[in-house]
């Protein structure tokens, strides 16, 4: 992610980190966990770098952070998906201890949006009155579940999407075949994590083909049983299916608005649905993604999703 990080280096937040003016708490937000990890590490290097052009990437501080063995860079949670009570107690205790080897200490907290509200409140006082030369970099894939009081104590930064060229470079480093890359780049939406997941998923192509089939051929309720059965077989990959479905519809909207893209399915969607229909597919698909994350009844969710497509198709005909 060299290009993205070089652009980030010119941002106000990195310049403040380089000059010693950075706020003690920063909240980085992106649906792309791969990008979050890289940006957080880069910001930590900027804070700790002992070189001139921060981060230099060459000094001992930068190299240790790059290899994840800097004693004053601490990652939480250690095992769970979100901070628990004992980890917060440990984190707060460590925050008020002197750094081990440097003049600063940095805590990188993953999955902030998954932290329970009561746990966020336990963390709040430390963010309100942070110890000298202690910094907190909070990472979140979305900010909806983060308490307003936490947000108000942090400098929030929404990270940009990653360019296709950069994602292609990352996929090349993983020895992903070019024909696979072409499919992945069409559907990942500038998200490195999704790109890597899709490239390594045998179910990805099944989802792609089913999305294409439903968008092109699903037209009446007599087809419900057949398509419901196909979607039910996806099981754990239904969220992936919805993400691909959403990306196709979003690309189709851009296409109809004159923005060129290389997604062949977007052209199919643009021919099959009106702009109002596609816009509503995007809105509704986002809602279904949220319902899936909340573990709603899977069978009912599938039926509702298919009925939604029929309703949109007939309510806003092309």
Protein backbone atom coordinates (compact mmCIF):
# COMPACT_ATOMS: atom_id res chain seq x y z
CA UNK A 1 0.00 0.00 0.00
CA UNK A 2 2.90 2.33 -0.71
CA UNK A 3 0.91 4.85 -2.75
CA UNK A 4 -1.89 5.13 -0.18
CA UNK A 5 0.55 5.46 2.69
CA UNK A 6 2.59 8.12 0.86
CA UNK A 7 -0.63 10.11 0.41
CA UNK A 8 -1.45 9.53 4.08
CA UNK A 9 1.98 10.87 4.99
CA UNK A 10 0.96 14.24 3.52
CA UNK A 11 -2.27 14.35 5.55
CA UNK A 12 -2.76 16.73 8.46
CA UNK A 13 -2.90 13.88 10.98
CA UNK A 14 0.50 12.49 9.94
CA UNK A 15 2.04 15.95 9.87
CA UNK A 16 0.76 16.51 13.41
CA UNK A 17 2.18 13.14 14.49
CA UNK A 18 5.52 14.03 12.94
CA UNK A 19 5.66 17.41 14.65
CA UNK A 20 4.53 16.18 18.07
CA UNK A 21 1.14 17.89 17.82
CA UNK A 22 -1.09 14.82 17.46
CA UNK A 23 -4.07 14.40 19.77
CA UNK A 24 -3.70 11.54 22.22
CA UNK A 25 -6.60 9.56 20.73
CA UNK A 26 -7.22 8.86 17.05
CA UNK A 27 -10.08 6.88 15.51
CA UNK A 28 -9.39 5.36 12.08
CA UNK A 29 -12.51 4.15 10.25
CA UNK A 30 -12.68 1.87 7.21
CA UNK A 31 -14.57 -1.31 6.26
CA UNK A 32 -11.18 -2.64 5.10
CA UNK A 33 -9.33 -4.24 8.03
CA UNK A 34 -6.20 -4.80 5.92
CA UNK A 35 -5.99 -1.06 5.26
CA UNK A 36 -6.73 -0.24 8.91
CA UNK A 37 -3.79 -2.34 10.10
CA UNK A 38 -1.40 -0.75 7.60
CA UNK A 39 -2.49 2.82 8.32
CA UNK A 40 -2.32 2.23 12.09
CA UNK A 41 1.19 0.82 11.84
CA UNK A 42 2.25 3.75 9.62
CA UNK A 43 0.84 6.29 12.09
CA UNK A 44 2.58 4.51 14.98
CA UNK A 45 5.86 4.63 13.05
CA UNK A 46 5.36 8.36 12.46
CA UNK A 47 4.88 8.90 16.19
CA UNK A 48 7.88 6.81 17.25
CA UNK A 49 10.36 7.44 14.41
CA UNK A 50 13.79 8.76 15.42
CA UNK A 51 14.72 9.75 11.85
CA UNK A 52 14.34 13.06 10.06
CA UNK A 53 11.67 12.35 7.43
CA UNK A 54 9.10 10.63 9.65
CA UNK A 55 8.46 7.80 9.27
CA UNK A 56 11.84 7.02 7.76
CA UNK A 57 11.30 3.25 7.70
CA UNK A 58 15.00 2.73 8.46
CA UNK A 59 15.52 3.60 12.12
CA UNK A 60 15.32 0.97 14.86
CA UNK A 61 11.90 2.24 15.97
CA UNK A 62 10.38 1.95 12.48
CA UNK A 63 11.87 -1.48 11.84
CA UNK A 64 10.62 -2.87 15.15
CA UNK A 65 7.10 -1.60 14.47
CA UNK A 66 7.21 -3.03 10.95
CA UNK A 67 8.05 -6.45 12.37
CA UNK A 68 5.53 -6.17 15.21
CA UNK A 69 8.13 -6.46 17.98
CA UNK A 70 8.25 -2.96 19.46
CA UNK A 71 7.74 -3.24 23.23
CA UNK A 72 5.98 0.14 23.45
CA UNK A 73 3.43 -0.61 20.72
CA UNK A 74 0.65 -2.66 22.27
CA UNK A 75 -2.19 -4.33 20.39
CA UNK A 76 -5.63 -5.04 21.86
CA UNK A 77 -7.69 -7.17 22.07
CA UNK A 78 -5.21 -10.02 22.29
CA UNK A 79 -7.49 -12.93 21.46
CA UNK A 80 -11.12 -11.91 21.43
CA UNK A 81 -13.03 -9.96 18.79
CA UNK A 82 -13.54 -7.06 21.18
CA UNK A 83 -11.99 -5.73 24.38
CA UNK A 84 -13.29 -7.37 27.54
CA UNK A 85 -13.27 -6.09 31.10
CA UNK A 86 -9.96 -7.69 32.15
CA UNK A 87 -8.16 -6.43 29.04
CA UNK A 88 -9.42 -2.89 29.61
CA UNK A 89 -8.19 -3.03 33.21
CA UNK A 90 -4.81 -4.26 31.98
CA UNK A 91 -4.67 -1.61 29.24
CA UNK A 92 -5.49 1.23 31.66
CA UNK A 93 -2.88 -0.01 34.14
CA UNK A 94 -0.19 -0.21 31.44
CA UNK A 95 -1.13 3.21 30.07
CA UNK A 96 -0.08 4.84 33.33
CA UNK A 97 3.26 3.04 33.45
CA UNK A 98 6.36 4.55 31.86
CA UNK A 99 7.36 3.35 28.37
CA UNK A 100 9.81 0.45 28.38
CA UNK A 101 12.29 1.54 25.69
CA UNK A 102 11.05 4.78 24.10
CA UNK A 103 9.75 8.14 25.20
CA UNK A 104 6.21 7.28 24.04
CA UNK A 105 3.73 4.44 24.25
CA UNK A 106 1.07 3.57 21.65
CA UNK A 107 -2.00 1.37 22.11
CA UNK A 108 -3.62 0.09 18.91
CA UNK A 109 -7.16 -1.08 19.66
CA UNK A 110 -8.85 -3.21 17.00
CA UNK A 111 -12.59 -3.73 16.48
CA UNK A 112 -13.58 -0.67 18.47
CA UNK A 113 -17.07 -0.83 16.96
CA UNK A 114 -17.53 -4.29 18.55
CA UNK A 115 -16.74 -3.15 22.09
CA UNK A 116 -19.76 -3.31 24.39
CA UNK A 117 -21.08 0.11 25.51
CA UNK A 118 -20.29 -0.61 29.16
CA UNK A 119 -16.71 -1.53 28.20
CA UNK A 120 -16.40 1.66 26.14
CA UNK A 121 -17.41 3.66 29.20
CA UNK A 122 -14.63 1.99 31.20
CA UNK A 123 -12.15 3.11 28.56
CA UNK A 124 -13.58 6.63 28.38
CA UNK A 125 -11.86 8.18 31.42
CA UNK A 126 -8.42 7.15 30.17
CA UNK A 127 -9.20 8.77 26.80
CA UNK A 128 -10.44 11.89 28.59
CA UNK A 129 -7.32 12.24 30.75
CA UNK A 130 -4.56 10.34 28.94
CA UNK A 131 -1.14 9.94 30.53
CA UNK A 132 1.71 12.04 29.12
CA UNK A 133 3.17 10.69 25.85
CA UNK A 134 0.63 7.87 25.64
CA UNK A 135 -1.36 7.54 22.42
CA UNK A 136 -4.41 5.49 21.48
CA UNK A 137 -5.13 4.48 17.88
CA UNK A 138 -8.65 3.07 17.73
CA UNK A 139 -9.63 1.08 14.64
CA UNK A 140 -13.21 0.52 13.49
CA UNK A 141 -14.85 -0.94 10.41
CA UNK A 142 -17.80 1.40 11.05
CA UNK A 143 -18.60 4.04 13.64
CA UNK A 144 -22.31 3.43 14.27
CA UNK A 145 -21.80 1.47 17.51
CA UNK A 146 -19.15 3.75 18.96
CA UNK A 147 -20.42 5.95 21.77
CA UNK A 148 -20.60 9.69 21.01
CA UNK A 149 -18.52 10.32 24.13
CA UNK A 150 -15.73 8.12 22.73
CA UNK A 151 -15.91 9.84 19.33
CA UNK A 152 -15.76 13.26 20.96
CA UNK A 153 -12.46 12.34 22.64
CA UNK A 154 -10.90 11.14 19.39
CA UNK A 155 -9.74 12.69 16.17
CA UNK A 156 -11.71 10.69 13.59
CA UNK A 157 -10.34 9.86 10.13
CA UNK A 158 -12.30 8.01 7.44
CA UNK A 159 -9.75 6.21 5.30
CA UNK A 160 -10.06 6.26 1.48
CA UNK A 161 -10.61 3.18 -0.66
CA UNK A 162 -7.53 1.51 -2.09
CA UNK A 163 -6.88 1.87 -5.83
CA UNK A 164 -7.20 -1.15 -8.11
CA UNK A 165 -3.52 -0.85 -9.04
CA UNK A 166 -2.49 -1.16 -5.40
CA UNK A 167 -4.84 -4.07 -4.77
CA UNK A 168 -3.48 -5.78 -7.89
CA UNK A 169 0.05 -5.35 -6.49
CA UNK A 170 -1.04 -6.95 -3.20
CA UNK A 171 -2.65 -9.85 -5.08
CA UNK A 172 0.51 -10.29 -7.17
CA UNK A 173 2.51 -10.57 -3.96
CA UNK A 174 0.17 -13.42 -2.98
CA UNK A 175 0.73 -15.09 -6.39
CA UNK A 176 -2.92 -14.74 -7.40
CA UNK A 177 -3.48 -15.59 -11.09
CA UNK A 178 -4.37 -12.71 -13.42
CA UNK A 179 -7.75 -14.13 -14.47
CA UNK A 180 -8.70 -14.47 -10.81
CA UNK A 181 -7.54 -10.92 -10.12
CA UNK A 182 -9.80 -9.55 -12.86
CA UNK A 183 -12.86 -11.07 -11.23
CA UNK A 184 -11.80 -10.03 -7.73
CA UNK A 185 -11.05 -6.42 -8.69
CA UNK A 186 -14.50 -6.07 -10.25
CA UNK A 187 -16.22 -6.90 -6.97
CA UNK A 188 -13.99 -5.90 -4.05
CA UNK A 189 -14.91 -2.20 -4.18
CA UNK A 190 -11.45 -0.91 -3.28
CA UNK A 191 -11.35 -3.13 -0.18
CA UNK A 192 -8.07 -5.07 0.23
CA UNK A 193 -9.51 -7.42 2.84
CA UNK A 194 -12.38 -8.40 0.56
CA UNK A 195 -10.00 -8.79 -2.39
CA UNK A 196 -7.80 -11.22 -0.45
CA UNK A 197 -10.82 -13.08 0.89
CA UNK A 198 -12.38 -13.43 -2.56
CA UNK A 199 -9.12 -14.49 -4.19
CA UNK A 200 -8.70 -17.31 -1.70
CA UNK A 201 -12.35 -18.41 -1.63
CA UNK A 202 -13.59 -21.35 -3.66
CA UNK A 203 -17.16 -20.18 -3.03
CA UNK A 204 -16.53 -16.71 -4.45
CA UNK A 205 -17.25 -17.70 -8.05
CA UNK A 206 -20.42 -19.53 -7.05
CA UNK A 207 -21.63 -16.30 -5.44
CA UNK A 208 -20.66 -14.23 -8.49
CA UNK A 209 -22.55 -16.53 -10.86
CA UNK A 210 -25.63 -16.67 -8.63
CA UNK A 211 -25.72 -12.88 -8.31
CA UNK A 212 -25.57 -12.58 -12.09
CA UNK A 213 -28.29 -15.19 -12.54
CA UNK A 214 -30.69 -13.61 -10.06
CA UNK A 215 -30.22 -10.09 -11.40
CA UNK A 216 -30.76 -11.23 -14.98
CA UNK A 217 -33.35 -14.01 -14.73
CA UNK A 218 -35.36 -13.70 -11.50
CA UNK A 219 -38.64 -12.10 -12.59
CA UNK A 220 -41.66 -13.73 -10.89
CA UNK A 221 -42.76 -15.54 -7.73
CA UNK A 222 -42.94 -18.92 -9.49
CA UNK A 223 -39.12 -18.93 -9.34
CA UNK A 224 -39.02 -18.32 -5.57
CA UNK A 225 -38.58 -21.92 -4.46
CA UNK A 226 -35.72 -22.56 -6.88
CA UNK A 227 -33.76 -19.42 -5.99
CA UNK A 228 -34.53 -19.73 -2.28
CA UNK A 229 -32.97 -23.20 -2.32
CA UNK A 230 -29.87 -21.93 -4.14
CA UNK A 231 -29.40 -19.08 -1.66
CA UNK A 232 -29.97 -21.38 1.32
CA UNK A 233 -27.05 -23.53 0.17
CA UNK A 234 -24.74 -20.52 0.54
CA UNK A 235 -25.23 -20.53 4.31
CA UNK A 236 -22.10 -18.86 5.77
CA UNK A 237 -21.34 -17.24 2.40
CA UNK A 238 -24.63 -15.36 2.18
CA UNK A 239 -23.01 -12.18 3.51
CA UNK A 240 -20.40 -12.50 0.77
CA UNK A 241 -23.22 -12.94 -1.76
CA UNK A 242 -24.92 -9.76 -0.49
CA UNK A 243 -21.65 -7.83 -0.69
CA UNK A 244 -21.14 -8.88 -4.32
CA UNK A 245 -24.78 -8.12 -5.10
CA UNK A 246 -24.41 -4.66 -3.57
CA UNK A 247 -21.18 -3.95 -5.47
CA UNK A 248 -22.83 -4.87 -8.78
CA UNK A 249 -25.77 -2.57 -8.10
CA UNK A 250 -23.51 0.29 -6.94
CA UNK A 251 -21.40 -0.06 -10.09
CA UNK A 252 -24.56 -0.03 -12.20
CA UNK A 253 -25.67 3.25 -10.62
CA UNK A 254 -22.28 4.78 -11.44
CA UNK A 255 -22.52 3.42 -14.98
CA UNK A 256 -25.92 5.03 -15.51
CA UNK A 257 -24.51 8.29 -14.13
CA UNK A 258 -21.73 8.23 -16.72
CA UNK A 259 -18.92 6.82 -14.58
CA UNK A 260 -17.08 4.10 -16.52
CA UNK A 261 -16.15 0.84 -14.78
CA UNK A 262 -14.94 -2.61 -15.86
CA UNK A 263 -17.60 -4.65 -14.09
CA UNK A 264 -19.45 -6.64 -16.81
CA UNK A 265 -22.36 -7.50 -14.49
CA UNK A 266 -22.99 -3.79 -13.88
CA UNK A 267 -23.89 -3.46 -17.55
CA UNK A 268 -26.38 -6.32 -17.20
CA UNK A 269 -27.97 -4.64 -14.16
CA UNK A 270 -28.17 -1.30 -15.98
CA UNK A 271 -30.07 -3.00 -18.81
CA UNK A 272 -32.40 -4.99 -16.56
CA UNK A 273 -33.37 -2.31 -14.01
CA UNK A 274 -34.25 1.38 -14.01
CA UNK A 275 -32.07 3.86 -12.11
CA UNK A 276 -34.75 4.17 -9.39
CA UNK A 277 -34.93 0.40 -9.07
CA UNK A 278 -31.15 0.01 -8.78
CA UNK A 279 -30.93 2.82 -6.21
CA UNK A 280 -33.52 1.04 -4.09
CA UNK A 281 -31.71 -2.29 -4.51
CA UNK A 282 -28.61 -0.62 -3.05
CA UNK A 283 -30.54 0.80 -0.10
CA UNK A 284 -32.37 -2.45 0.64
CA UNK A 285 -29.27 -4.62 0.22
CA UNK A 286 -27.49 -2.56 2.89
CA UNK A 287 -30.39 -3.27 5.23
CA UNK A 288 -30.17 -7.00 4.53
CA UNK A 289 -26.45 -6.96 5.26
CA UNK A 290 -27.21 -5.44 8.67
CA UNK A 291 -29.92 -8.05 9.33
CA UNK A 292 -27.51 -10.85 8.40
CA UNK A 293 -24.94 -9.51 10.83
CA UNK A 294 -27.61 -9.56 13.55
CA UNK A 295 -28.19 -13.28 12.89
CA UNK A 296 -31.82 -12.95 11.82
CA UNK A 297 -33.69 -16.11 10.82
CA UNK A 298 -31.81 -17.20 7.69
CA UNK A 299 -34.73 -18.79 5.83
CA UNK A 300 -36.98 -15.79 6.42
CA UNK A 301 -34.16 -13.45 5.43
CA UNK A 302 -33.71 -15.21 2.09
CA UNK A 303 -37.42 -15.07 1.27
CA UNK A 304 -37.62 -11.40 2.22
CA UNK A 305 -34.60 -10.65 0.04
CA UNK A 306 -36.12 -12.34 -3.01
CA UNK A 307 -39.50 -10.67 -2.50
CA UNK A 308 -37.68 -7.34 -2.25
CA UNK A 309 -36.08 -7.87 -5.67
CA UNK A 310 -39.46 -8.67 -7.25
CA UNK A 311 -41.08 -5.66 -5.59
CA UNK A 312 -38.34 -3.32 -6.79
CA UNK A 313 -38.41 -4.75 -10.32
CA UNK A 314 -42.19 -4.27 -10.62
CA UNK A 315 -42.48 -0.99 -8.72
CA UNK A 316 -39.87 0.78 -10.84
CA UNK A 317 -39.96 -0.92 -14.26
CA UNK A 318 -37.40 0.00 -16.87
